[in-house]
Every structure is written in C-alpha cells, then in structure tokens.
Amino acid sequence: MAAAWAGFEADPQTDAARFRALIDALAAELPAGSPVAPFERACAWDSTGHSDNAVPLYREALDLGLDGYRGRRAKIQLSSSLRNIGQPEEGVKLLSPELVGVSDELDDAVRATLALCLASLGREREGLSLVLGALAPHLPRYQRSMANYARLLVEPEA
C-alpha cells in the first residue's frame, strides 16, 4: 500500500482510475471487515478528486472501528470531503472533539481543516483563531502575542 501511494504522489500524471483499481486490489487482500480497506479506498477516491465517493467509505471505516492515527486521519479527511460536498457543519461536528483529544502530529491538520469548515459556514474569525493558534508555536518570535491574538478573535477581552 505504501509503495502504491509513493508512486502516486511521485507521478502527477498517474492515471486516476488505474490508481484506484490498484488500491482496490490491495485493499481486497486485507481480512474481511478490516476498517483499513475502506479507509484506503476512500483516500484513493479523495486524492483523485472524488470527495463524494470518499465520504461513505470514510464513514464505513470509522463504523468498522478504525482508530488511532488512521482513525484521526479518517476524521480529518472525512471532514474535508464533507466540506467539499457542501456539508461543512458535519465536518465541524466531527472535528471539534479532536481539539481536546489525544495530541499528535496531526493537531495542525485538525485545526486547518476545521478552520476551512468554519470558513465555509461564515465563521471566519473562529477559523482564523484556530489557524493562528496552530501557527503560533512554530514562530521563532511572537509566539505568546500570536497565541493571545488568536484567543482574542473569539473571546472578548477581560
């Protein structure tokens, strides 16, 4: 699976249908009921511009118990796909709990995707607050100031 994805990412001219067929074939090798199979298939649809086909597969993967790192990725990617098909409110509901969940290298992706969903709902200040809050720790200076500015976008000054 990793080699298939590496090949796809390395070659922008990859035939989308052929790539999805390869992922389908590899996913079929997994045990029946494996949540990884619909997750990988969803990723392939999503990465080839078909969020509408990815959404039910992400849901299936999560319903089958996909958890941990892949489960978090599925929530991020499902939220993004939901936004792409005009359902950003569902993306907000799905990702908001991730702000207080287990912290890992996907934290910034959670915030960025949630910010996009919020912006699609006309809640740009909240989205900007999330993005600035995610960016602040990476700045060489002004970390405290940016974190405060991010907070003040959504909280009134006391």
Protein backbone atom coordinates (compact mmCIF):
# COMPACT_ATOMS: atom_id res chain seq x y z
CA MET A 1 0.00 0.00 0.00
CA ALA A 2 2.81 2.38 0.92
CA ALA A 3 4.57 1.74 -2.38
CA ALA A 4 1.34 2.40 -4.32
CA TRP A 5 0.87 5.72 -2.55
CA ALA A 6 4.51 6.70 -3.01
CA GLY A 7 4.23 6.02 -6.73
CA PHE A 8 1.02 8.03 -6.98
CA GLU A 9 2.47 11.01 -5.13
CA ALA A 10 5.69 10.92 -7.15
CA ASP A 11 3.96 11.00 -10.54
CA PRO A 12 1.39 13.75 -11.12
CA GLN A 13 0.44 12.08 -14.41
CA THR A 14 -0.74 8.89 -12.72
CA ASP A 15 -3.98 7.60 -14.25
CA ALA A 16 -6.60 8.07 -11.50
CA ALA A 17 -8.75 5.08 -12.44
CA ARG A 18 -5.75 2.78 -12.63
CA PHE A 19 -4.50 4.01 -9.26
CA ARG A 20 -7.91 3.44 -7.63
CA ALA A 21 -8.01 -0.06 -9.13
CA LEU A 22 -4.59 -0.79 -7.64
CA ILE A 23 -5.72 0.41 -4.20
CA ASP A 24 -8.94 -1.63 -4.53
CA ALA A 25 -6.89 -4.74 -5.33
CA LEU A 26 -4.56 -4.18 -2.39
CA ALA A 27 -7.48 -3.45 -0.05
CA ALA A 28 -9.14 -6.69 -1.16
CA GLU A 29 -6.14 -8.57 0.26
CA LEU A 30 -6.98 -7.37 3.77
CA PRO A 31 -9.11 -9.53 6.06
CA ALA A 32 -12.88 -9.21 5.70
CA GLY A 33 -14.23 -6.46 7.93
CA SER A 34 -10.92 -4.65 8.13
CA PRO A 35 -11.51 -0.91 8.60
CA VAL A 36 -8.25 -0.21 6.76
CA ALA A 37 -9.70 -1.38 3.43
CA PRO A 38 -12.48 1.24 3.14
CA PHE A 39 -10.12 3.86 4.56
CA GLU A 40 -7.52 3.27 1.85
CA ARG A 41 -10.21 3.16 -0.82
CA ALA A 42 -11.64 6.45 0.49
CA CYS A 43 -8.19 8.04 0.39
CA ALA A 44 -7.79 6.94 -3.23
CA TRP A 45 -11.14 8.43 -4.26
CA ASP A 46 -10.39 11.61 -2.31
CA SER A 47 -6.91 12.01 -3.73
CA THR A 48 -8.24 11.70 -7.25
CA GLY A 49 -10.84 14.42 -6.79
CA HIS A 50 -13.94 12.46 -5.85
CA SER A 51 -14.88 13.53 -2.33
CA ASP A 52 -18.45 12.38 -2.95
CA ASN A 53 -17.30 8.77 -3.37
CA ALA A 54 -14.86 9.02 -0.46
CA VAL A 55 -17.39 10.11 2.18
CA PRO A 56 -19.29 6.80 2.54
CA LEU A 57 -16.02 4.86 2.61
CA TYR A 58 -14.55 7.03 5.39
CA ARG A 59 -17.78 6.54 7.33
CA GLU A 60 -17.60 2.79 6.80
CA ALA A 61 -14.00 2.69 8.03
CA LEU A 62 -14.89 4.63 11.18
CA ASP A 63 -18.01 2.50 11.74
CA LEU A 64 -15.83 -0.62 11.48
CA GLY A 65 -13.66 0.73 14.29
CA LEU A 66 -10.79 2.49 12.56
CA ASP A 67 -8.98 4.24 15.37
CA GLY A 68 -5.61 5.57 16.41
CA TYR A 69 -3.58 7.50 13.89
CA ARG A 70 -5.52 6.25 10.86
CA GLY A 71 -8.80 6.95 12.63
CA ARG A 72 -7.76 10.52 13.24
CA ARG A 73 -6.67 10.86 9.62
CA ALA A 74 -10.05 9.49 8.54
CA LYS A 75 -11.85 12.14 10.61
CA ILE A 76 -9.71 14.93 9.14
CA GLN A 77 -10.14 13.69 5.58
CA LEU A 78 -13.86 12.97 6.01
CA SER A 79 -14.38 16.49 7.36
CA SER A 80 -12.53 17.95 4.39
CA SER A 81 -14.56 15.84 1.97
CA LEU A 82 -17.80 16.84 3.69
CA ARG A 83 -16.85 20.48 3.25
CA ASN A 84 -16.09 19.83 -0.41
CA ILE A 85 -19.56 18.39 -0.98
CA GLY A 86 -21.34 21.20 0.86
CA GLN A 87 -21.70 19.71 4.34
CA PRO A 88 -19.19 21.72 6.41
CA GLU A 89 -21.38 21.70 9.52
CA GLU A 90 -20.95 17.93 9.77
CA GLY A 91 -17.18 18.42 9.42
CA VAL A 92 -17.23 20.87 12.34
CA LYS A 93 -19.15 18.36 14.49
CA LEU A 94 -16.71 15.60 13.60
CA LEU A 95 -13.50 17.57 14.18
CA SER A 96 -14.37 19.76 17.17
CA PRO A 97 -13.84 16.91 19.68
CA GLU A 98 -10.39 16.34 18.17
CA LEU A 99 -9.27 19.70 19.60
CA VAL A 100 -9.32 18.24 23.09
CA GLY A 101 -8.41 14.66 22.22
CA VAL A 102 -5.05 12.97 22.12
CA SER A 103 -2.38 15.31 20.78
CA ASP A 104 -0.13 14.17 17.95
CA GLU A 105 1.47 15.37 14.73
CA LEU A 106 -1.98 15.72 13.16
CA ASP A 107 -3.06 18.54 15.52
CA ASP A 108 -2.31 21.28 13.00
CA ALA A 109 -4.14 19.39 10.24
CA VAL A 110 -7.17 19.10 12.53
CA ARG A 111 -7.12 22.85 13.13
CA ALA A 112 -6.55 23.75 9.48
CA THR A 113 -9.37 21.51 8.26
CA LEU A 114 -11.70 22.69 11.00
CA ALA A 115 -10.84 26.29 10.07
CA LEU A 116 -11.83 25.61 6.45
CA CYS A 117 -15.13 24.08 7.57
CA LEU A 118 -15.81 27.09 9.81
CA ALA A 119 -15.00 29.49 6.99
CA SER A 120 -17.43 27.66 4.74
CA LEU A 121 -20.07 28.34 7.39
CA GLY A 122 -19.26 32.06 7.53
CA ARG A 123 -17.38 31.70 10.82
CA GLU A 124 -14.07 33.04 9.54
CA ARG A 125 -12.96 34.63 12.85
CA GLU A 126 -13.17 31.25 14.58
CA GLY A 127 -11.27 29.63 11.72
CA LEU A 128 -8.59 32.31 11.75
CA SER A 129 -8.26 31.90 15.51
CA LEU A 130 -7.62 28.17 15.07
CA VAL A 131 -5.05 28.70 12.33
CA LEU A 132 -3.19 31.41 14.24
CA GLY A 133 -3.23 29.24 17.35
CA ALA A 134 -1.74 26.37 15.37
CA LEU A 135 0.87 28.61 13.75
CA ALA A 136 2.00 30.42 16.91
CA PRO A 137 4.17 27.61 18.38
CA HIS A 138 6.09 27.36 15.10
CA LEU A 139 7.11 31.03 15.01
CA PRO A 140 10.67 31.96 16.01
CA ARG A 141 9.31 35.02 17.86
CA TYR A 142 5.94 36.47 18.86
CA GLN A 143 4.58 33.11 19.99
CA ARG A 144 2.83 34.49 23.06
CA SER A 145 1.45 37.51 21.20
CA MET A 146 0.07 35.44 18.34
CA ALA A 147 -1.48 32.93 20.72
CA ASN A 148 -3.16 35.82 22.57
CA TYR A 149 -4.36 37.41 19.33
CA ALA A 150 -5.79 34.05 18.26
CA ARG A 151 -7.67 33.73 21.54
CA LEU A 152 -8.97 37.31 21.39
CA LEU A 153 -10.51 36.70 17.96
CA VAL A 154 -13.11 34.52 19.65
CA GLU A 155 -13.06 35.65 23.29
CA PRO A 156 -13.87 39.14 24.48
CA GLU A 157 -11.02 40.90 26.23
CA ALA A 158 -11.49 40.83 30.01
